[in-house]
Amino acid sequence: MNKIISMEEAIAHVKDGMTIMVGGFLGCGSPHRLIDALVEKGVKDLTLICNDSGFADIGVGKLVVNKQIRKLIASHIGTNRETGNQMNAGEMEVVLVPQGTLAEQVRAGGSGLGGFLTPTGVGTVVEEGKQKIEIDGKAYLLELPLRADIALIAGETIDKFGNIVYSGATRNFNHLMATAADTVIVEVEEVVEVGELDPNHVVTPGIFVDYIVNGGDK
């Protein structure tokens, strides 16, 4: 199977109403070309799972500004004023999740787990509507796993099978999201032949990757 596809072919997989995960931390490690193509396509009513809503002109913030997101699940939104505006206007549902909990929800989704217990959020608004379980006298919240129809992630270098090497902090949520979606599309800067990568540097095995977009092509 040839996993390398064009940007147009990649974006064709994203349909109105889907749930998508997008990697990155304030735009660092985000698949910027894929995001721009989504904005241009105008796909709408998306549920977006990501660390944050970026900035108005950087990262997934562009999707927010373009009003393509129906529901946002993220750990913070403070760097993008438009997110708060749409939330307050009732135009977009925003679910704020503690950052570590969000990462673990994605990991649980990728690992096939039914959920996990955490003390984070006990006694706060975070616990509303959630099951609380006591173990050895300590209260925990049951947090459920998160999965998506499609994960759009970014890597630095990939081989043609899909083994991904990340650069520094760009790894962030990308390697978790690669395991937690039905279809995984990765945007990379360089594609090499199988066998060229040092296996010790590979973080995401190619078994998780469905499609590759070579963002390094000009």
Protein backbone atom coordinates (compact mmCIF):
# COMPACT_ATOMS: atom_id res chain seq x y z
CA MET A 1 0.00 0.00 0.00
CA ASN A 2 1.29 3.43 -0.95
CA LYS A 3 0.54 5.64 2.06
CA ILE A 4 1.75 8.88 0.45
CA ILE A 5 -1.18 10.94 -0.81
CA SER A 6 -1.79 14.50 -1.93
CA MET A 7 -3.17 17.23 0.31
CA GLU A 8 -6.45 17.12 -1.63
CA GLU A 9 -6.78 13.37 -1.11
CA ALA A 10 -6.04 13.75 2.59
CA ILE A 11 -8.65 16.43 3.19
CA ALA A 12 -11.25 14.45 1.24
CA HIS A 13 -11.35 12.04 4.19
CA VAL A 14 -12.67 14.76 6.53
CA LYS A 15 -16.45 15.12 6.32
CA ASP A 16 -18.98 17.43 7.97
CA GLY A 17 -19.89 16.35 11.50
CA MET A 18 -16.82 14.19 12.10
CA THR A 19 -14.78 14.05 15.29
CA ILE A 20 -11.15 14.93 14.63
CA MET A 21 -8.03 15.06 16.77
CA VAL A 22 -5.32 17.54 15.84
CA GLY A 23 -1.86 17.43 17.36
CA GLY A 24 0.11 20.39 18.60
CA PHE A 25 0.66 22.70 21.56
CA LEU A 26 -0.13 26.33 20.76
CA GLY A 27 0.66 25.55 17.15
CA CYS A 28 3.97 23.82 17.92
CA GLY A 29 3.83 20.41 16.29
CA SER A 30 0.54 21.07 14.49
CA PRO A 31 -0.05 19.96 10.88
CA HIS A 32 -0.34 23.52 9.57
CA ARG A 33 -0.77 22.70 5.89
CA LEU A 34 -3.53 20.20 6.65
CA ILE A 35 -5.27 22.79 8.83
CA ASP A 36 -5.05 25.40 6.08
CA ALA A 37 -6.52 22.92 3.61
CA LEU A 38 -9.40 22.20 6.02
CA VAL A 39 -10.09 25.92 6.30
CA GLU A 40 -10.12 26.25 2.52
CA LYS A 41 -12.45 23.25 2.16
CA GLY A 42 -14.87 24.70 4.68
CA VAL A 43 -15.83 21.38 6.28
CA LYS A 44 -18.10 22.19 9.23
CA ASP A 45 -19.86 20.96 12.39
CA LEU A 46 -16.68 19.27 13.55
CA THR A 47 -15.95 18.03 17.04
CA LEU A 48 -12.32 18.97 17.65
CA ILE A 49 -10.12 17.28 20.26
CA CYS A 50 -6.85 19.10 20.83
CA ASN A 51 -4.68 20.54 23.58
CA ASP A 52 -5.77 24.14 23.01
CA SER A 53 -7.53 26.35 20.48
CA GLY A 54 -4.30 27.94 19.29
CA PHE A 55 -4.25 31.56 18.25
CA ALA A 56 -6.65 33.32 15.90
CA ASP A 57 -4.14 33.06 13.05
CA ILE A 58 -2.08 30.03 14.09
CA GLY A 59 -2.93 26.34 14.29
CA VAL A 60 -6.44 25.05 14.94
CA GLY A 61 -7.44 28.59 15.88
CA LYS A 62 -8.03 29.18 12.17
CA LEU A 63 -10.77 26.54 12.22
CA VAL A 64 -12.37 28.26 15.20
CA VAL A 65 -12.28 31.69 13.56
CA ASN A 66 -13.83 30.19 10.42
CA LYS A 67 -16.65 28.74 12.58
CA GLN A 68 -16.06 25.16 11.48
CA ILE A 69 -16.09 23.73 15.01
CA ARG A 70 -19.34 22.69 16.69
CA LYS A 71 -17.74 21.22 19.82
CA LEU A 72 -14.26 21.75 21.23
CA ILE A 73 -12.61 19.45 23.78
CA ALA A 74 -9.37 21.07 25.00
CA SER A 75 -7.33 21.96 28.05
CA HIS A 76 -7.29 25.74 27.57
CA ILE A 77 -8.61 28.42 25.25
CA GLY A 78 -7.12 31.64 26.64
CA THR A 79 -4.86 32.44 23.67
CA ASN A 80 -7.72 32.64 21.19
CA ARG A 81 -10.32 35.28 22.01
CA GLU A 82 -12.65 34.03 19.30
CA THR A 83 -13.08 30.71 21.14
CA GLY A 84 -14.45 32.51 24.18
CA ASN A 85 -16.64 34.73 22.03
CA GLN A 86 -18.26 31.77 20.29
CA MET A 87 -18.63 29.87 23.57
CA ASN A 88 -20.35 32.82 25.26
CA ALA A 89 -22.60 33.34 22.26
CA GLY A 90 -23.68 29.70 22.30
CA GLU A 91 -22.23 29.12 18.85
CA MET A 92 -19.75 26.46 19.97
CA GLU A 93 -19.77 23.99 22.85
CA VAL A 94 -16.50 24.03 24.79
CA VAL A 95 -15.48 21.22 27.15
CA LEU A 96 -12.47 22.20 29.24
CA VAL A 97 -10.39 19.28 30.51
CA PRO A 98 -7.31 19.34 32.77
CA GLN A 99 -4.33 18.86 30.48
CA GLY A 100 -3.01 15.66 32.04
CA THR A 101 -6.51 14.20 32.06
CA LEU A 102 -6.94 15.05 28.39
CA ALA A 103 -3.68 13.34 27.47
CA GLU A 104 -4.65 10.26 29.46
CA GLN A 105 -8.13 10.16 27.90
CA VAL A 106 -6.54 10.06 24.45
CA ARG A 107 -4.03 7.44 25.60
CA ALA A 108 -6.84 5.33 27.05
CA GLY A 109 -8.73 5.60 23.78
CA GLY A 110 -5.69 4.39 21.88
CA SER A 111 -5.03 1.56 24.33
CA GLY A 112 -8.52 0.14 24.30
CA LEU A 113 -9.15 0.95 27.96
CA GLY A 114 -12.60 1.60 29.39
CA GLY A 115 -11.41 4.62 31.35
CA PHE A 116 -9.19 5.54 34.28
CA LEU A 117 -9.38 6.98 37.77
CA THR A 118 -7.85 10.33 38.71
CA PRO A 119 -8.13 12.63 41.73
CA THR A 120 -7.77 15.67 39.48
CA GLY A 121 -10.93 17.74 39.56
CA VAL A 122 -12.47 16.23 42.68
CA GLY A 123 -14.42 18.89 44.54
CA THR A 124 -14.53 21.22 41.50
CA VAL A 125 -16.86 21.77 38.54
CA VAL A 126 -14.81 19.14 36.70
CA GLU A 127 -16.56 16.38 38.63
CA GLU A 128 -20.07 17.39 37.54
CA GLY A 129 -21.86 14.53 35.82
CA LYS A 130 -19.02 12.07 36.42
CA GLN A 131 -18.88 8.92 38.47
CA LYS A 132 -16.91 9.29 41.70
CA ILE A 133 -15.21 6.24 43.17
CA GLU A 134 -13.55 5.95 46.58
CA ILE A 135 -10.46 3.77 47.00
CA ASP A 136 -8.71 3.45 50.38
CA GLY A 137 -10.56 6.51 51.60
CA LYS A 138 -9.55 8.72 48.65
CA ALA A 139 -12.00 10.01 46.02
CA TYR A 140 -11.33 9.60 42.31
CA LEU A 141 -13.19 10.56 39.16
CA LEU A 142 -13.81 8.03 36.43
CA GLU A 143 -12.67 9.63 33.19
CA LEU A 144 -13.69 8.01 29.91
CA PRO A 145 -11.48 7.45 26.87
CA LEU A 146 -11.48 9.71 23.82
CA ARG A 147 -11.32 8.53 20.22
CA ALA A 148 -11.82 10.25 16.88
CA ASP A 149 -12.83 9.46 13.34
CA ILE A 150 -9.63 11.06 12.07
CA ALA A 151 -6.37 12.22 13.64
CA LEU A 152 -4.38 14.91 11.86
CA ILE A 153 -0.86 14.91 13.25
CA ALA A 154 2.59 16.23 12.38
CA GLY A 155 6.03 14.67 12.38
CA GLU A 156 9.52 15.66 11.26
CA THR A 157 10.67 12.60 9.31
CA ILE A 158 8.81 9.48 8.25
CA ASP A 159 9.65 6.42 6.20
CA LYS A 160 7.31 5.11 3.54
CA PHE A 161 5.79 2.56 5.92
CA GLY A 162 4.81 5.35 8.31
CA ASN A 163 7.38 5.13 11.12
CA ILE A 164 7.56 8.65 12.57
CA VAL A 165 10.43 10.62 14.12
CA TYR A 166 9.49 13.83 15.94
CA SER A 167 11.62 16.89 16.66
CA GLY A 168 11.79 17.90 20.31
CA ALA A 169 8.61 19.36 21.77
CA THR A 170 6.66 18.87 18.53
CA ARG A 171 6.02 15.34 19.75
CA ASN A 172 3.50 16.56 22.39
CA PHE A 173 0.03 15.09 21.67
CA ASN A 174 0.89 13.70 18.24
CA HIS A 175 2.13 10.28 19.30
CA LEU A 176 -0.92 9.73 21.54
CA MET A 177 -3.43 10.79 18.89
CA ALA A 178 -1.81 8.47 16.35
CA THR A 179 -3.21 5.54 18.32
CA ALA A 180 -6.70 6.89 19.04
CA ALA A 181 -8.40 7.46 15.68
CA ASP A 182 -9.93 5.26 13.01
CA THR A 183 -7.89 7.02 10.32
CA VAL A 184 -4.52 8.69 10.94
CA ILE A 185 -3.07 11.23 8.52
CA VAL A 186 0.39 12.62 9.21
CA GLU A 187 2.00 15.70 7.69
CA VAL A 188 5.79 15.52 7.65
CA GLU A 189 8.74 17.54 6.43
CA GLU A 190 10.68 14.63 4.94
CA VAL A 191 9.90 11.15 3.64
CA VAL A 192 12.68 8.55 3.46
CA GLU A 193 12.94 4.95 2.40
CA VAL A 194 12.19 2.11 4.80
CA GLY A 195 15.36 1.22 6.68
CA GLU A 196 16.85 4.72 6.66
CA LEU A 197 15.55 5.69 10.10
CA ASP A 198 17.29 4.66 13.31
CA PRO A 199 14.71 2.42 15.02
CA ASN A 200 15.73 3.92 18.36
CA HIS A 201 14.47 7.31 17.20
CA VAL A 202 11.06 6.10 15.98
CA VAL A 203 8.27 7.10 18.37
CA THR A 204 5.16 6.22 16.36
CA PRO A 205 5.30 2.87 14.56
CA GLY A 206 4.00 2.86 11.01
CA ILE A 207 1.26 0.36 11.89
CA PHE A 208 -0.72 3.32 13.27
CA VAL A 209 -0.37 5.52 10.18
CA ASP A 210 -2.83 5.28 7.30
CA TYR A 211 -1.77 8.18 5.09
CA ILE A 212 1.24 10.47 4.68
CA VAL A 213 1.27 14.01 3.32
CA ASN A 214 4.73 15.28 2.43
CA GLY A 215 4.59 18.84 3.68
CA GLY A 216 8.17 19.35 2.59
CA ASP A 217 7.11 19.36 -1.06
CA LYS A 218 6.92 22.87 -2.43
